[in-house]
Amino acid sequence: MRQLHLLLLVIVLCAIGLGLSAYKVTTLGLPLTSSEQAEVWNVEARISFRAKPDTSVKVSLPLPLNSTGYTIIAEDFVGANYGLAIEQDDSGRTALWAKRRAQGKQLLFYRAMIYEDVEKTSETGKPPLYPSVPDYPENFRPVIRDLLDKARQRSADTVSFTQQVIQQLNAASPAPELKLLMEHINNSLRLAKGINWILAGARIPSRIIQGLRLQDGKHYSELESWVQVYDGTQWRALNIKDGQEGLPANFVIWQVGDQKSLSVEGGSEMNLQFSVAKTLRELVDIAESRAALKGSRIMEFSLYSLPVESQNVYKILLMVPLGAFVVVLMRNLIGIKTFGTFMPVLIALALRETELLWGLVLFCLIVGLGLLLRAYVDRLKLLLIPRLASVLTMVVLLMASTSVIMHKLGLEMGLSVALFPMVIMTMMIERMSLTWDEAGPAEAFKQGAGSLLVATIGYLVMNIDALQHLIFVFPELLLVVLAATLLFGRYSGYRLTELWRFQALAKR
């Protein structure tokens, strides 16, 4: 019954630890290694205009959408002494800047940080309504009817029909009857509107999308227009220049439809420019933004929410259970004897602040001198507490003397001896002295060497950068370490050193 209870507990701990970690990796995108970075795009819209004297100013700018494949993880609005409001409706979001009085040239900025989200799939919504046939002007009516008839004869479905319309409008030598229509459509946005207008004559649901190509260092004076048609199941994008299907790579949709555009009330000489730049950003920062967008509060309760000073402390403390697990393995599985359970872990923590070799040399020096002084104090026949206090005082004096002498000799690493835990060193000297008296010097040095060996292995494990990152970002993995510790806590078989010790007996 107890074995079943332990196994169930281990399974629950592993499930919680691994499950939370898997959620953070797959859903929030937290990195498994500290060096992982991701490309993000900084997109800036720069609005400039000249304010009219003694006139209030109102500026509206459509904002980009969280379109398929991309997520806006940060936004920034810049406008000196301008009030800002964000309006949102079915067609999207709009930034509204307002100011009571403005003079001279004005500059407003909108900046967005956009992340390519491969997990974000295409959005599905309600099918659109079939448009009604527009009341075309009399001079355009026969031309559009003839254009639609030719497209119908040369197509098999909605997409190919639209492609035929686009190709006729963009022909190198358009038919004479189309020239007047093309003169009416004289830029890209008006071309997209014209295609949308013409397709309505065939009652094909279509809409205009405008966006930017994300290319590092590029500047744009206007958004690029595309046409989307509904094929009965989904929206399919077509290039208004040649009819090719599919949005280009690194294309982010800024707005759907043409109902909204930049407008400035109380200003003149209006100009809008878009700039794109690529940067690298830590995946942890991106995960925090994604968690906020998804409404997940896990990152709010992560260690990253603590002050930086506290984070640095926990980066060390969270590695202590790993050091303790190393002690469990070395003692219960391998059979190496040490002075106490936590003494090697604390020694390993002290070695983190010094170089390993110098740390071991200084530690052995202080402990060796301390043993000599402890042997002298033992002759005084003191009680336990006064004896420990006396040894502690001598250890502090030894540490200070060692630092001063080595500093005078030009060995600055001697200053790091002050980082050793003096209480632990005092207890180790006391334990070694008692073991020396009870079991002899060989056993005392054997356990002392075992403690230093385990401390060295613990130091090496606790200083693996990959493990430090994993434990700090996914502290729930310590539940898995706890589960493993519980399993080894029930191990009562032979230790590896015992197998070596009794190998001669096993051969008989």
Protein backbone atom coordinates (compact mmCIF):
# COMPACT_ATOMS: atom_id res chain seq x y z
CA MET A 1 0.00 0.00 0.00
CA ARG A 2 2.80 2.39 0.88
CA GLN A 3 4.60 1.53 -2.37
CA LEU A 4 1.43 2.30 -4.39
CA HIS A 5 0.94 5.57 -2.53
CA LEU A 6 4.53 6.58 -3.31
CA LEU A 7 4.19 5.68 -6.99
CA LEU A 8 0.96 7.67 -7.30
CA LEU A 9 2.60 10.66 -5.63
CA VAL A 10 5.59 10.44 -7.98
CA ILE A 11 3.28 10.25 -11.02
CA VAL A 12 1.27 13.27 -9.86
CA LEU A 13 4.39 15.34 -9.20
CA CYS A 14 5.88 14.47 -12.59
CA ALA A 15 2.59 15.16 -14.37
CA ILE A 16 2.25 18.59 -12.77
CA GLY A 17 5.87 19.57 -13.36
CA LEU A 18 6.13 18.31 -16.93
CA GLY A 19 2.59 19.45 -17.82
CA LEU A 20 3.18 23.05 -16.74
CA SER A 21 6.51 23.09 -18.54
CA ALA A 22 4.96 21.72 -21.73
CA TYR A 23 2.20 24.36 -21.57
CA LYS A 24 4.75 27.15 -21.21
CA VAL A 25 6.76 25.85 -24.17
CA THR A 26 3.96 25.01 -26.61
CA THR A 27 1.42 27.73 -25.78
CA LEU A 28 3.45 30.66 -24.47
CA GLY A 29 6.64 29.90 -26.39
CA LEU A 30 9.09 29.99 -23.48
CA PRO A 31 12.55 28.88 -24.66
CA LEU A 32 14.26 25.68 -23.55
CA THR A 33 17.70 27.29 -23.87
CA SER A 34 18.92 30.69 -22.74
CA SER A 35 20.36 31.60 -26.15
CA GLU A 36 17.10 31.33 -28.10
CA GLN A 37 16.01 34.54 -29.78
CA ALA A 38 13.34 35.30 -32.35
CA GLU A 39 13.00 37.78 -35.16
CA VAL A 40 10.52 40.55 -34.52
CA TRP A 41 9.53 43.37 -36.83
CA ASN A 42 9.37 46.97 -35.71
CA VAL A 43 6.84 48.81 -37.87
CA GLU A 44 6.49 52.57 -37.57
CA ALA A 45 3.84 54.85 -39.05
CA ARG A 46 5.01 58.48 -39.16
CA ILE A 47 2.35 61.17 -39.59
CA SER A 48 3.44 64.70 -40.39
CA PHE A 49 1.27 67.74 -41.13
CA ARG A 50 1.13 71.47 -40.59
CA ALA A 51 -1.43 72.65 -38.07
CA LYS A 52 -3.77 75.47 -38.98
CA PRO A 53 -3.60 78.43 -36.60
CA ASP A 54 -6.19 78.68 -33.84
CA THR A 55 -7.80 75.40 -34.85
CA SER A 56 -8.23 72.20 -32.90
CA VAL A 57 -6.55 69.15 -34.39
CA LYS A 58 -7.99 65.65 -34.77
CA VAL A 59 -6.03 62.82 -36.38
CA SER A 60 -7.29 59.29 -37.01
CA LEU A 61 -5.18 56.35 -38.19
CA PRO A 62 -6.36 52.77 -38.79
CA LEU A 63 -4.28 50.32 -36.74
CA PRO A 64 -2.96 46.94 -37.94
CA LEU A 65 -4.78 43.71 -37.27
CA ASN A 66 -3.61 40.56 -35.52
CA SER A 67 -3.75 38.84 -38.89
CA THR A 68 -3.07 35.23 -39.79
CA GLY A 69 0.49 34.23 -38.95
CA TYR A 70 1.39 37.42 -37.06
CA THR A 71 0.78 38.78 -33.58
CA ILE A 72 1.24 42.33 -32.33
CA ILE A 73 3.11 41.94 -29.05
CA ALA A 74 3.70 45.62 -28.24
CA GLU A 75 2.41 48.99 -29.34
CA ASP A 76 3.58 52.53 -28.71
CA PHE A 77 1.91 55.87 -29.51
CA VAL A 78 3.94 59.08 -29.58
CA GLY A 79 2.45 62.55 -29.78
CA ALA A 80 3.61 65.55 -27.76
CA ASN A 81 0.74 66.79 -25.58
CA TYR A 82 -1.85 64.97 -27.69
CA GLY A 83 -4.71 63.09 -26.17
CA LEU A 84 -5.11 59.51 -27.37
CA ALA A 85 -8.11 57.22 -27.68
CA ILE A 86 -8.51 53.82 -29.34
CA GLU A 87 -11.79 53.00 -31.04
CA GLN A 88 -12.71 49.49 -32.08
CA ASP A 89 -15.57 48.14 -34.17
CA ASP A 90 -16.24 45.24 -36.52
CA SER A 91 -13.92 46.68 -39.18
CA GLY A 92 -10.93 47.04 -36.83
CA ARG A 93 -9.20 49.54 -34.56
CA THR A 94 -8.49 53.23 -35.03
CA ALA A 95 -6.13 55.53 -33.12
CA LEU A 96 -7.52 59.01 -32.45
CA TRP A 97 -5.17 61.86 -31.50
CA ALA A 98 -6.61 65.22 -30.44
CA LYS A 99 -5.22 68.58 -29.35
CA ARG A 100 -6.92 71.85 -28.53
CA ARG A 101 -4.31 74.10 -30.13
CA ALA A 102 -1.27 73.31 -32.24
CA GLN A 103 1.19 75.43 -34.19
CA GLY A 104 3.59 74.68 -37.01
CA LYS A 105 4.72 71.27 -38.16
CA GLN A 106 3.38 68.34 -36.14
CA LEU A 107 4.70 64.78 -35.87
CA LEU A 108 2.81 61.75 -34.59
CA PHE A 109 4.13 58.20 -34.42
CA TYR A 110 2.60 54.76 -34.10
CA ARG A 111 5.01 51.89 -33.47
CA ALA A 112 4.18 48.20 -33.34
CA MET A 113 6.32 45.18 -32.58
CA ILE A 114 5.09 42.26 -34.66
CA TYR A 115 6.02 38.64 -34.09
CA GLU A 116 5.59 35.84 -36.62
CA ASP A 117 3.30 33.37 -34.88
CA VAL A 118 3.46 30.04 -36.71
CA GLU A 119 0.76 28.61 -34.44
CA LYS A 120 -1.77 31.20 -35.52
CA THR A 121 -3.98 29.68 -38.19
CA SER A 122 -6.41 31.30 -40.56
CA GLU A 123 -9.48 32.79 -39.00
CA THR A 124 -12.93 31.54 -39.88
CA GLY A 125 -16.07 33.56 -39.51
CA LYS A 126 -19.55 33.86 -40.88
CA PRO A 127 -19.83 33.58 -44.67
CA PRO A 128 -20.25 37.01 -46.28
CA LEU A 129 -23.48 38.11 -47.94
CA TYR A 130 -23.68 38.14 -51.69
CA PRO A 131 -23.40 41.76 -52.87
CA SER A 132 -26.13 43.43 -54.87
CA VAL A 133 -25.38 44.47 -58.46
CA PRO A 134 -24.24 48.12 -58.49
CA ASP A 135 -26.03 50.70 -60.57
CA TYR A 136 -23.16 51.28 -63.01
CA PRO A 137 -22.96 54.56 -64.93
CA GLU A 138 -24.47 54.25 -68.38
CA ASN A 139 -21.14 54.70 -70.19
CA PHE A 140 -19.50 51.92 -68.15
CA ARG A 141 -22.41 49.46 -68.09
CA PRO A 142 -21.83 47.69 -71.46
CA VAL A 143 -18.08 47.66 -70.93
CA ILE A 144 -18.34 45.95 -67.54
CA ARG A 145 -20.97 43.52 -68.83
CA ASP A 146 -18.71 42.50 -71.71
CA LEU A 147 -15.70 42.15 -69.36
CA LEU A 148 -17.69 39.88 -67.02
CA ASP A 149 -18.97 37.75 -69.91
CA LYS A 150 -15.43 37.13 -71.20
CA ALA A 151 -14.23 36.26 -67.69
CA ARG A 152 -17.13 33.84 -67.22
CA GLN A 153 -16.35 32.02 -70.48
CA ARG A 154 -12.65 31.62 -69.60
CA SER A 155 -13.05 30.55 -65.94
CA ALA A 156 -14.25 27.60 -63.91
CA ASP A 157 -14.70 29.00 -60.41
CA THR A 158 -14.71 32.19 -58.39
CA VAL A 159 -10.94 32.51 -58.16
CA SER A 160 -10.24 31.91 -61.85
CA PHE A 161 -13.11 34.28 -62.72
CA THR A 162 -11.50 37.02 -60.66
CA GLN A 163 -8.10 36.29 -62.20
CA GLN A 164 -9.55 36.75 -65.67
CA VAL A 165 -11.04 40.11 -64.65
CA ILE A 166 -7.71 41.27 -63.23
CA GLN A 167 -5.77 40.13 -66.30
CA GLN A 168 -8.11 42.02 -68.65
CA LEU A 169 -7.78 45.21 -66.60
CA ASN A 170 -3.97 44.92 -66.51
CA ALA A 171 -3.43 43.83 -70.10
CA ALA A 172 -0.47 45.49 -71.84
CA SER A 173 -2.76 46.49 -74.70
CA PRO A 174 -6.24 46.72 -73.21
CA ALA A 175 -9.29 46.74 -75.44
CA PRO A 176 -10.28 50.24 -76.57
CA GLU A 177 -13.53 50.07 -74.62
CA LEU A 178 -11.54 49.43 -71.40
CA LYS A 179 -9.30 52.49 -71.71
CA LEU A 180 -11.91 54.85 -70.32
CA LEU A 181 -12.54 52.49 -67.41
CA MET A 182 -8.80 52.20 -66.69
CA GLU A 183 -8.42 55.99 -66.76
CA HIS A 184 -11.05 56.05 -64.03
CA ILE A 185 -8.90 53.62 -61.99
CA ASN A 186 -5.53 55.40 -61.84
CA ASN A 187 -3.78 54.05 -58.70
CA SER A 188 -3.47 50.83 -56.77
CA LEU A 189 -6.15 51.53 -54.18
CA ARG A 190 -8.59 52.71 -56.82
CA LEU A 191 -7.70 49.65 -58.90
CA ALA A 192 -8.55 47.42 -55.94
CA LYS A 193 -11.79 49.34 -55.43
CA GLY A 194 -12.52 49.03 -59.14
CA ILE A 195 -12.01 45.27 -59.12
CA ASN A 196 -14.24 45.00 -56.06
CA TRP A 197 -16.85 47.17 -57.79
CA ILE A 198 -16.73 45.13 -61.01
CA LEU A 199 -16.93 41.76 -59.20
CA ALA A 200 -20.09 42.94 -57.47
CA GLY A 201 -21.67 42.91 -60.95
CA ALA A 202 -21.21 39.12 -60.90
CA ARG A 203 -22.39 38.99 -57.27
CA ILE A 204 -19.02 37.66 -56.10
CA PRO A 205 -18.22 38.47 -52.44
CA SER A 206 -14.93 40.37 -52.38
CA ARG A 207 -13.07 42.80 -50.18
CA ILE A 208 -9.94 44.92 -50.17
CA ILE A 209 -7.05 44.22 -47.83
CA GLN A 210 -4.14 46.59 -47.28
CA GLY A 211 -0.82 45.75 -45.70
CA LEU A 212 2.96 45.97 -45.66
CA ARG A 213 5.74 43.69 -46.79
CA LEU A 214 8.05 43.15 -43.84
CA GLN A 215 11.47 43.81 -45.35
CA ASP A 216 14.30 45.12 -43.21
CA GLY A 217 15.13 48.79 -43.81
CA LYS A 218 12.20 49.42 -46.17
CA HIS A 219 10.14 52.63 -46.31
CA TYR A 220 6.67 52.89 -47.80
CA SER A 221 4.53 55.91 -48.64
CA GLU A 222 1.31 53.89 -48.75
CA LEU A 223 -0.11 50.50 -47.92
CA GLU A 224 -0.16 47.78 -50.56
CA SER A 225 -3.65 46.82 -51.73
CA TRP A 226 -4.84 43.29 -52.52
CA VAL A 227 -8.23 41.77 -53.29
CA GLN A 228 -9.76 38.84 -51.48
CA VAL A 229 -12.64 36.79 -52.91
CA TYR A 230 -14.77 34.27 -51.07
CA ASP A 231 -14.84 30.84 -52.75
CA GLY A 232 -17.62 29.40 -50.60
CA THR A 233 -15.38 28.20 -47.76
CA GLN A 234 -12.60 30.76 -47.23
CA TRP A 235 -11.17 34.10 -48.33
CA ARG A 236 -8.46 33.85 -51.00
CA ALA A 237 -6.10 36.72 -51.75
CA LEU A 238 -5.23 37.81 -55.29
CA ASN A 239 -2.64 40.26 -56.57
CA ILE A 240 -4.40 43.17 -58.27
CA LYS A 241 -1.55 43.52 -60.80
CA ASP A 242 -1.37 40.00 -62.25
CA GLY A 243 -4.03 37.93 -60.49
CA GLN A 244 -1.54 35.60 -58.79
CA GLU A 245 -3.04 33.90 -55.75
CA GLY A 246 -1.51 34.00 -52.27
CA LEU A 247 -0.06 36.76 -50.14
CA PRO A 248 3.71 37.18 -50.38
CA ALA A 249 6.02 36.04 -47.61
CA ASN A 250 6.34 38.45 -44.67
CA PHE A 251 3.15 40.30 -45.57
CA VAL A 252 1.21 41.65 -42.63
CA ILE A 253 -2.37 42.80 -43.10
CA TRP A 254 -2.87 46.33 -41.78
CA GLN A 255 -6.58 46.70 -42.45
CA VAL A 256 -9.48 44.98 -44.17
CA GLY A 257 -11.68 47.19 -46.31
CA ASP A 258 -11.24 50.77 -47.40
CA GLN A 259 -13.80 52.42 -45.18
CA LYS A 260 -11.10 53.93 -42.96
CA SER A 261 -8.01 55.90 -43.87
CA LEU A 262 -5.72 58.51 -42.39
CA SER A 263 -7.56 61.76 -41.80
CA VAL A 264 -6.39 65.05 -40.30
CA GLU A 265 -8.82 67.75 -39.21
CA GLY A 266 -7.29 71.15 -38.61
CA GLY A 267 -4.12 70.48 -40.60
CA SER A 268 -2.65 70.63 -44.08
CA GLU A 269 0.35 69.22 -45.99
CA MET A 270 -0.44 65.80 -44.58
CA ASN A 271 2.08 63.00 -45.12
CA LEU A 272 2.15 59.36 -43.96
CA GLN A 273 5.23 57.16 -44.16
CA PHE A 274 5.75 53.58 -43.01
CA SER A 275 9.12 52.16 -41.97
CA VAL A 276 10.07 48.54 -41.25
CA ALA A 277 13.08 47.21 -39.33
CA LYS A 278 13.99 43.71 -38.16
CA THR A 279 15.42 43.07 -34.70
CA LEU A 280 16.09 40.12 -32.39
CA ARG A 281 14.35 39.77 -29.07
CA GLU A 282 14.53 37.29 -26.22
CA LEU A 283 11.84 34.62 -26.42
CA VAL A 284 11.06 35.12 -22.74
CA ASP A 285 9.98 38.72 -23.43
CA ILE A 286 7.86 37.54 -26.36
CA ALA A 287 6.29 34.84 -24.18
CA GLU A 288 5.30 37.44 -21.58
CA SER A 289 3.56 39.51 -24.26
CA ARG A 290 1.84 36.45 -25.73
CA ALA A 291 0.63 35.38 -22.30
CA ALA A 292 -0.93 38.80 -21.77
CA LEU A 293 -2.63 38.64 -25.19
CA LYS A 294 -3.97 35.15 -24.48
CA GLY A 295 -5.25 36.19 -21.06
CA SER A 296 -2.94 33.74 -19.28
CA ARG A 297 -1.75 34.90 -15.87
CA ILE A 298 1.02 32.33 -15.49
CA MET A 299 3.73 34.81 -16.41
CA GLU A 300 2.38 37.27 -13.83
CA PHE A 301 3.29 34.74 -11.14
CA SER A 302 6.59 33.68 -12.66
CA LEU A 303 9.98 34.51 -11.19
CA TYR A 304 10.38 37.14 -13.90
CA SER A 305 7.79 39.25 -12.08
CA LEU A 306 10.21 39.68 -9.13
CA PRO A 307 12.72 42.53 -8.86
CA VAL A 308 16.00 41.84 -10.63
CA GLU A 309 17.90 41.55 -7.33
CA SER A 310 15.48 38.87 -6.09
CA GLN A 311 15.71 37.07 -9.43
CA ASN A 312 19.47 36.79 -9.03
CA VAL A 313 19.03 35.31 -5.56
CA TYR A 314 16.56 32.69 -6.76
CA LYS A 315 18.79 31.75 -9.68
CA ILE A 316 21.14 30.39 -6.99
CA LEU A 317 18.59 29.05 -4.50
CA LEU A 318 16.68 27.07 -7.14
CA MET A 319 19.82 25.07 -7.88
CA VAL A 320 20.14 23.89 -4.26
CA PRO A 321 17.60 21.02 -4.73
CA LEU A 322 19.68 19.78 -7.67
CA GLY A 323 22.75 19.82 -5.44
CA ALA A 324 20.84 17.93 -2.77
CA PHE A 325 19.74 15.38 -5.38
CA VAL A 326 23.40 14.87 -6.30
CA VAL A 327 24.12 14.15 -2.63
CA VAL A 328 21.24 11.62 -2.60
CA LEU A 329 22.68 9.83 -5.62
CA MET A 330 26.23 9.85 -4.33
CA ARG A 331 25.29 8.60 -0.86
CA ASN A 332 22.36 6.21 -1.48
CA LEU A 333 23.25 4.85 -4.91
CA ILE A 334 27.04 5.04 -5.07
CA GLY A 335 27.76 4.89 -1.33
CA ILE A 336 30.23 7.76 -0.87
CA LYS A 337 30.35 8.88 2.78
CA THR A 338 30.11 12.57 3.58
CA PHE A 339 29.89 14.77 6.64
CA GLY A 340 26.16 15.37 6.82
CA THR A 341 23.65 15.78 3.99
CA PHE A 342 23.67 19.49 3.30
CA MET A 343 27.31 20.25 4.04
CA PRO A 344 28.49 19.26 0.50
CA VAL A 345 25.70 21.38 -1.01
CA LEU A 346 26.71 24.43 1.01
CA ILE A 347 30.36 23.89 0.10
CA ALA A 348 29.32 23.70 -3.56
CA LEU A 349 27.46 27.02 -3.16
CA ALA A 350 30.61 28.58 -1.74
CA LEU A 351 32.64 27.22 -4.66
CA ARG A 352 30.28 29.04 -7.06
CA GLU A 353 31.76 32.33 -5.89
CA THR A 354 35.35 31.19 -6.36
CA GLU A 355 37.23 29.24 -8.95
CA LEU A 356 36.92 25.52 -8.31
CA LEU A 357 40.62 24.75 -7.88
CA TRP A 358 41.35 27.78 -5.70
CA GLY A 359 38.23 27.14 -3.67
CA LEU A 360 39.25 23.58 -2.88
CA VAL A 361 42.81 24.64 -1.97
CA LEU A 362 41.65 27.40 0.37
CA PHE A 363 38.99 25.18 1.91
CA CYS A 364 41.50 22.42 2.65
CA LEU A 365 43.95 24.98 4.05
CA ILE A 366 41.44 26.47 6.49
CA VAL A 367 40.08 23.07 7.54
CA GLY A 368 43.61 21.67 8.02
CA LEU A 369 44.71 24.57 10.20
CA GLY A 370 41.40 24.40 12.02
CA LEU A 371 41.95 20.73 12.87
CA LEU A 372 45.32 21.56 14.42
CA LEU A 373 43.78 24.29 16.57
CA ARG A 374 40.82 22.04 17.40
CA ALA A 375 43.25 19.41 18.70
CA TYR A 376 44.78 22.01 21.01
CA VAL A 377 41.36 23.19 22.26
CA ASP A 378 40.39 19.59 22.94
CA ARG A 379 43.10 19.42 25.61
CA LEU A 380 41.34 22.22 27.51
CA LYS A 381 38.35 19.91 28.14
CA LEU A 382 35.74 22.53 27.24
CA LEU A 383 32.00 21.91 27.05
CA LEU A 384 30.42 21.54 23.59
CA ILE A 385 29.02 25.04 23.10
CA PRO A 386 32.11 26.94 24.32
CA ARG A 387 34.28 24.60 22.24
CA LEU A 388 32.26 25.30 19.07
CA ALA A 389 32.34 29.02 19.76
CA SER A 390 36.11 28.87 20.23
CA VAL A 391 36.60 26.94 16.99
CA LEU A 392 34.34 29.42 15.15
CA THR A 393 36.41 32.33 16.40
CA MET A 394 39.62 30.66 15.30
CA VAL A 395 38.14 29.89 11.87
CA VAL A 396 37.25 33.56 11.37
CA LEU A 397 40.76 34.59 12.41
CA LEU A 398 42.27 32.01 10.06
CA MET A 399 40.12 33.26 7.16
CA ALA A 400 41.12 36.87 7.81
CA SER A 401 44.82 35.99 8.19
CA THR A 402 44.78 33.93 4.98
CA SER A 403 43.20 36.77 3.02
CA VAL A 404 45.74 39.34 4.28
CA ILE A 405 48.80 37.11 3.69
CA MET A 406 47.74 36.05 0.18
CA HIS A 407 46.87 39.64 -0.72
CA LYS A 408 50.39 40.73 0.30
CA LEU A 409 51.80 37.93 -1.84
CA GLY A 410 49.82 39.21 -4.82
CA LEU A 411 47.38 36.29 -4.85
CA GLU A 412 44.06 38.11 -5.01
CA MET A 413 42.10 34.84 -5.08
CA GLY A 414 42.83 34.57 -1.38
CA LEU A 415 40.23 37.28 -0.81
CA SER A 416 37.52 34.84 -1.89
CA VAL A 417 38.05 32.77 1.26
CA ALA A 418 35.70 35.22 2.97
CA LEU A 419 32.87 33.78 0.86
CA PHE A 420 33.09 30.38 2.53
CA PRO A 421 30.36 29.65 5.12
CA MET A 422 32.32 29.88 8.35
CA VAL A 423 29.68 28.02 10.38
CA ILE A 424 29.80 25.09 7.96
CA MET A 425 33.59 25.07 8.10
CA THR A 426 33.41 25.11 11.90
CA MET A 427 30.99 22.16 11.93
CA MET A 428 33.13 20.24 9.45
CA ILE A 429 36.22 20.74 11.62
CA GLU A 430 34.23 19.55 14.65
CA ARG A 431 32.83 16.50 12.80
CA MET A 432 36.24 15.54 11.42
CA SER A 433 37.78 15.87 14.85
CA LEU A 434 35.13 13.65 16.45
CA THR A 435 35.44 11.05 13.68
CA TRP A 436 39.22 11.13 14.10
CA ASP A 437 38.82 10.32 17.80
CA GLU A 438 36.14 7.65 17.30
CA ALA A 439 37.12 5.89 14.05
CA GLY A 440 40.68 7.00 13.39
CA PRO A 441 42.30 9.47 11.00
CA ALA A 442 41.74 7.27 7.92
CA GLU A 443 37.96 7.35 8.30
CA ALA A 444 38.02 11.09 9.03
CA PHE A 445 39.98 11.87 5.88
CA LYS A 446 37.84 9.42 3.90
CA GLN A 447 34.63 11.23 4.83
CA GLY A 448 36.28 14.62 4.34
CA ALA A 449 37.47 13.64 0.86
CA GLY A 450 34.00 12.26 0.11
CA SER A 451 32.43 15.55 1.14
CA LEU A 452 34.75 17.52 -1.14
CA LEU A 453 34.16 15.09 -4.04
CA VAL A 454 30.39 15.36 -3.73
CA ALA A 455 30.67 19.13 -3.34
CA THR A 456 32.76 19.29 -6.53
CA ILE A 457 30.24 17.22 -8.50
CA GLY A 458 27.40 19.30 -7.08
CA TYR A 459 29.25 22.47 -8.07
CA LEU A 460 29.71 21.21 -11.65
CA VAL A 461 26.02 20.25 -11.93
CA MET A 462 24.75 23.49 -10.38
CA ASN A 463 26.86 25.54 -12.79
CA ILE A 464 25.49 24.03 -16.01
CA ASP A 465 24.01 27.04 -17.79
CA ALA A 466 21.32 24.99 -19.53
CA LEU A 467 20.09 23.58 -16.19
CA GLN A 468 20.14 27.02 -14.56
CA HIS A 469 17.98 28.40 -17.36
CA LEU A 470 15.54 25.46 -17.29
CA ILE A 471 15.05 25.56 -13.52
CA PHE A 472 14.60 29.33 -13.42
CA VAL A 473 12.19 29.51 -16.35
CA PHE A 474 10.41 26.27 -15.40
CA PRO A 475 10.69 26.05 -11.58
CA GLU A 476 7.94 23.41 -11.63
CA LEU A 477 10.61 20.98 -12.87
CA LEU A 478 11.76 20.84 -9.25
CA LEU A 479 8.65 18.72 -8.68
CA VAL A 480 10.21 16.15 -11.00
CA VAL A 481 13.44 16.38 -8.98
CA LEU A 482 11.35 15.87 -5.83
CA ALA A 483 9.68 12.82 -7.39
CA ALA A 484 13.07 11.31 -8.25
CA THR A 485 14.31 12.03 -4.72
CA LEU A 486 11.29 10.24 -3.25
CA LEU A 487 11.94 7.21 -5.44
CA PHE A 488 15.57 7.00 -4.36
CA GLY A 489 14.40 7.48 -0.77
CA ARG A 490 12.91 3.96 -0.90
CA TYR A 491 16.00 2.38 -2.45
CA SER A 492 17.52 -0.17 -0.10
CA GLY A 493 19.62 -2.24 -2.47
CA TYR A 494 23.40 -2.53 -2.75
CA ARG A 495 25.40 0.59 -3.32
CA LEU A 496 28.00 0.63 -6.07
CA THR A 497 30.87 0.86 -3.61
CA GLU A 498 29.50 -2.18 -1.78
CA LEU A 499 29.48 -4.19 -5.01
CA TRP A 500 33.14 -3.29 -5.49
CA ARG A 501 33.87 -4.06 -1.84
CA PHE A 502 32.31 -7.54 -1.98
CA GLN A 503 33.36 -8.47 -5.53
CA ALA A 504 35.75 -11.10 -4.21
CA LEU A 505 32.88 -12.73 -2.28
CA ALA A 506 30.65 -12.64 -5.36
CA LYS A 507 33.20 -14.66 -7.37
CA ARG A 508 33.00 -17.63 -4.98
